[in-house]
Amino acid sequence: MADIFNEIDEELRKDKAQEWWGRYGKFVIGACVVVVAAAGGYTWFEQQRTAELRELADRYGHALTQADAGETDPALAALQSLSQEADGEGIAMIASFQRAGILADQDRHAEAAEVYAAVAADDGVDPLYRGLAELKAILHRSVAGEDTAALLTEIEPLTLDGEPWRYSARMVAASLAMGAGDMEKAKAYLTQVSDDDGAPNSARTQAVEILQAIGS
């Protein structure tokens, strides 16, 4: 008798399974199709993204080759185009830094400062590099002849403890202070660097040499 009940239970389970599959099976198949399609779509997206990034990298490399060959204007144009078209990608920032560097090498410091300032103002760029761009913008604005006293005020936040570029900023600030004729402020910035065990050795050495030169 137990075997009969087992057979009946088995048949009931089969009937329920068939009924369930008849009612919901198409949705399961549909879900599987969606999952497979999504996986395929993701793979396609990654392949497309890889191809796009490779194309951007190739364009960047070509621009550098042009710059090395003395074809400055085409290189600058290519880097500017790349920084605009690759918006949101790290290579856009790199292209901007490279473009600003080329402009600075040509003594076009005001233009270089504008490029750096644009990077510093870009919320999509990592704060670390925005700070570096801001520092470089101030440096090249000073070389371009802007008022050093005003630039000293602008650079001060970058010199504070905890700021990632504080040592470089303090060296630039010392230079600005000397340019403004404020030797005491210059010495204060230089001393901050020379007395800081955490400062890079090159910066500390340079700070000590300048302090000795100006008669600290």
Protein backbone atom coordinates (compact mmCIF):
# COMPACT_ATOMS: atom_id res chain seq x y z
CA MET A 1 0.00 0.00 0.00
CA ALA A 2 2.85 2.40 0.76
CA ASP A 3 4.23 1.90 -2.74
CA ILE A 4 0.90 2.90 -4.23
CA PHE A 5 0.86 6.13 -2.20
CA ASN A 6 4.44 6.86 -3.24
CA GLU A 7 3.52 6.40 -6.89
CA ILE A 8 0.50 8.69 -6.47
CA ASP A 9 2.68 11.35 -4.77
CA GLU A 10 5.21 11.07 -7.56
CA GLU A 11 2.52 11.49 -10.22
CA LEU A 12 1.10 14.49 -8.35
CA ARG A 13 4.54 16.08 -8.20
CA LYS A 14 4.98 15.50 -11.93
CA ASP A 15 1.55 16.95 -12.67
CA LYS A 16 2.28 20.02 -10.54
CA ALA A 17 5.68 20.45 -12.15
CA GLN A 18 4.16 20.22 -15.62
CA GLU A 19 1.42 22.65 -14.63
CA TRP A 20 3.98 25.08 -13.16
CA TRP A 21 6.21 24.82 -16.24
CA GLY A 22 3.22 25.33 -18.53
CA ARG A 23 2.29 28.47 -16.63
CA TYR A 24 5.72 29.98 -15.87
CA GLY A 25 8.20 28.21 -18.13
CA LYS A 26 8.10 30.88 -20.80
CA PHE A 27 9.10 33.48 -18.24
CA VAL A 28 12.06 31.37 -17.10
CA ILE A 29 13.18 31.00 -20.71
CA GLY A 30 12.74 34.72 -21.22
CA ALA A 31 14.81 35.50 -18.12
CA CYS A 32 17.58 33.18 -19.32
CA VAL A 33 17.57 34.89 -22.70
CA VAL A 34 17.84 38.28 -21.00
CA VAL A 35 20.75 37.10 -18.83
CA VAL A 36 22.62 35.65 -21.80
CA ALA A 37 21.91 38.74 -23.89
CA ALA A 38 23.05 40.99 -21.04
CA ALA A 39 26.27 39.01 -20.67
CA GLY A 40 26.84 39.25 -24.40
CA GLY A 41 26.01 42.95 -24.33
CA TYR A 42 28.44 43.55 -21.49
CA THR A 43 31.16 41.70 -23.37
CA TRP A 44 30.43 43.78 -26.46
CA PHE A 45 30.48 46.97 -24.36
CA GLU A 46 33.84 46.05 -22.85
CA GLN A 47 35.26 45.25 -26.28
CA GLN A 48 33.99 48.55 -27.62
CA ARG A 49 35.37 50.45 -24.66
CA THR A 50 38.76 48.76 -25.01
CA ALA A 51 38.83 49.62 -28.70
CA GLU A 52 37.88 53.24 -27.98
CA LEU A 53 40.54 53.60 -25.30
CA ARG A 54 43.13 52.04 -27.60
CA GLU A 55 42.18 54.53 -30.31
CA LEU A 56 42.51 57.43 -27.85
CA ALA A 57 45.90 56.14 -26.71
CA ASP A 58 47.05 55.87 -30.33
CA ARG A 59 46.01 59.46 -30.96
CA TYR A 60 47.87 60.60 -27.85
CA GLY A 61 51.00 58.75 -28.93
CA HIS A 62 50.80 60.28 -32.40
CA ALA A 63 50.52 63.77 -30.87
CA LEU A 64 53.65 63.16 -28.80
CA THR A 65 55.48 61.96 -31.90
CA GLN A 66 54.49 65.18 -33.65
CA ALA A 67 55.71 67.25 -30.72
CA ASP A 68 59.05 65.40 -30.61
CA ALA A 69 59.43 66.04 -34.34
CA GLY A 70 58.96 69.77 -33.85
CA GLU A 71 55.45 69.78 -35.31
CA THR A 72 54.22 71.78 -32.36
CA ASP A 73 51.03 73.32 -33.73
CA PRO A 74 49.58 70.02 -35.03
CA ALA A 75 50.53 68.38 -31.73
CA LEU A 76 48.82 71.08 -29.70
CA ALA A 77 45.71 70.87 -31.88
CA ALA A 78 45.62 67.08 -31.55
CA LEU A 79 46.01 67.20 -27.78
CA GLN A 80 43.30 69.83 -27.44
CA SER A 81 40.94 67.76 -29.55
CA LEU A 82 41.76 64.66 -27.54
CA SER A 83 41.16 66.37 -24.21
CA GLN A 84 37.73 67.51 -25.43
CA GLU A 85 36.60 64.30 -27.11
CA ALA A 86 37.84 62.01 -24.35
CA ASP A 87 35.96 63.97 -21.68
CA GLY A 88 35.58 61.85 -18.56
CA GLU A 89 38.55 59.62 -19.36
CA GLY A 90 41.92 59.89 -17.63
CA ILE A 91 43.64 60.39 -20.95
CA ALA A 92 41.79 63.69 -21.37
CA MET A 93 43.50 65.05 -18.28
CA ILE A 94 46.86 63.67 -19.39
CA ALA A 95 46.44 65.31 -22.79
CA SER A 96 45.69 68.63 -21.12
CA PHE A 97 48.76 68.41 -18.89
CA GLN A 98 50.90 67.52 -21.91
CA ARG A 99 49.46 70.38 -23.95
CA ALA A 100 50.13 72.85 -21.14
CA GLY A 101 53.69 71.55 -20.84
CA ILE A 102 54.34 72.10 -24.54
CA LEU A 103 52.96 75.63 -24.33
CA ALA A 104 55.19 76.35 -21.34
CA ASP A 105 58.24 75.04 -23.21
CA GLN A 106 57.44 77.62 -25.88
CA ASP A 107 57.30 80.37 -23.23
CA ARG A 108 53.55 80.67 -23.77
CA HIS A 109 53.00 80.72 -20.04
CA ALA A 110 49.68 82.57 -20.00
CA GLU A 111 48.19 79.97 -22.35
CA ALA A 112 49.68 77.14 -20.32
CA ALA A 113 48.14 78.62 -17.18
CA GLU A 114 44.72 78.70 -18.85
CA VAL A 115 44.95 75.00 -19.71
CA TYR A 116 45.99 74.11 -16.17
CA ALA A 117 43.23 76.30 -14.73
CA ALA A 118 40.65 74.46 -16.85
CA VAL A 119 41.81 71.13 -15.40
CA ALA A 120 41.73 72.55 -11.88
CA ALA A 121 38.13 73.68 -12.41
CA ASP A 122 36.97 70.32 -13.78
CA ASP A 123 34.88 68.50 -11.16
CA GLY A 124 35.37 65.26 -13.07
CA VAL A 125 39.11 65.24 -12.36
CA ASP A 126 40.49 63.61 -9.23
CA PRO A 127 41.07 66.29 -6.52
CA LEU A 128 44.73 65.25 -6.31
CA TYR A 129 45.36 66.29 -9.90
CA ARG A 130 43.11 69.31 -9.68
CA GLY A 131 45.37 70.58 -6.90
CA LEU A 132 48.46 69.98 -9.01
CA ALA A 133 46.86 71.76 -11.95
CA GLU A 134 45.96 74.71 -9.74
CA LEU A 135 49.53 74.92 -8.47
CA LYS A 136 50.94 74.82 -11.99
CA ALA A 137 48.45 77.44 -13.14
CA ILE A 138 49.60 79.81 -10.41
CA LEU A 139 53.26 79.13 -11.22
CA HIS A 140 52.85 79.92 -14.91
CA ARG A 141 50.67 82.95 -14.20
CA SER A 142 53.53 84.32 -12.12
CA VAL A 143 55.99 83.68 -14.95
CA ALA A 144 53.56 85.41 -17.29
CA GLY A 145 53.83 88.52 -15.12
CA GLU A 146 50.68 88.50 -13.00
CA ASP A 147 50.62 90.27 -9.65
CA THR A 148 52.62 88.18 -7.17
CA ALA A 149 50.81 89.50 -4.10
CA ALA A 150 47.47 88.30 -5.47
CA LEU A 151 48.96 84.94 -6.43
CA LEU A 152 50.37 84.56 -2.91
CA THR A 153 46.84 84.79 -1.56
CA GLU A 154 45.61 82.20 -4.06
CA ILE A 155 48.35 79.69 -3.35
CA GLU A 156 48.10 79.81 0.44
CA PRO A 157 45.43 77.05 0.75
CA LEU A 158 47.71 74.69 -1.17
CA THR A 159 50.53 75.24 1.36
CA LEU A 160 48.57 74.12 4.41
CA ASP A 161 49.43 70.99 6.38
CA GLY A 162 47.78 67.93 4.92
CA GLU A 163 47.59 69.26 1.38
CA PRO A 164 49.17 66.71 -1.01
CA TRP A 165 51.23 69.29 -2.92
CA ARG A 166 52.15 71.45 0.10
CA TYR A 167 55.93 71.15 -0.28
CA SER A 168 55.92 72.23 -3.92
CA ALA A 169 53.36 74.91 -3.09
CA ARG A 170 55.54 76.27 -0.28
CA MET A 171 58.52 76.48 -2.61
CA VAL A 172 56.46 78.34 -5.20
CA ALA A 173 54.99 80.55 -2.48
CA ALA A 174 58.50 81.41 -1.27
CA SER A 175 59.43 82.41 -4.80
CA LEU A 176 56.31 84.56 -5.08
CA ALA A 177 57.06 86.19 -1.73
CA MET A 178 60.58 87.05 -2.83
CA GLY A 179 59.16 88.49 -6.03
CA ALA A 180 56.81 90.62 -3.96
CA GLY A 181 59.69 91.77 -1.77
CA ASP A 182 58.39 90.00 1.33
CA MET A 183 61.55 88.22 2.43
CA GLU A 184 60.22 87.29 5.85
CA LYS A 185 57.31 85.41 4.34
CA ALA A 186 59.67 83.76 1.87
CA LYS A 187 61.91 82.59 4.72
CA ALA A 188 58.90 81.28 6.63
CA TYR A 189 57.80 79.11 3.70
CA LEU A 190 61.33 77.89 3.06
CA THR A 191 61.84 77.04 6.72
CA GLN A 192 58.62 75.01 6.71
CA VAL A 193 60.15 72.86 3.99
CA SER A 194 63.72 72.67 5.30
CA ASP A 195 62.65 71.70 8.83
CA ASP A 196 60.09 69.09 7.75
CA ASP A 197 61.46 65.55 7.91
CA GLY A 198 58.58 64.43 5.70
CA ALA A 199 59.53 66.73 2.84
CA PRO A 200 61.32 65.28 -0.18
CA ASN A 201 65.11 65.50 0.18
CA SER A 202 65.45 67.52 -3.01
CA ALA A 203 62.97 70.12 -1.75
CA ARG A 204 64.65 70.34 1.66
CA THR A 205 68.08 70.74 0.06
CA GLN A 206 66.85 73.45 -2.25
CA ALA A 207 65.10 75.27 0.60
CA VAL A 208 68.29 75.22 2.69
CA GLU A 209 70.36 76.53 -0.22
CA ILE A 210 67.95 79.42 -0.85
CA LEU A 211 67.82 80.29 2.85
CA GLN A 212 71.61 80.43 2.91
CA ALA A 213 71.64 82.56 -0.23
CA ILE A 214 69.22 85.13 1.13
CA GLY A 215 71.01 85.25 4.49
CA SER A 216 68.58 83.50 6.79
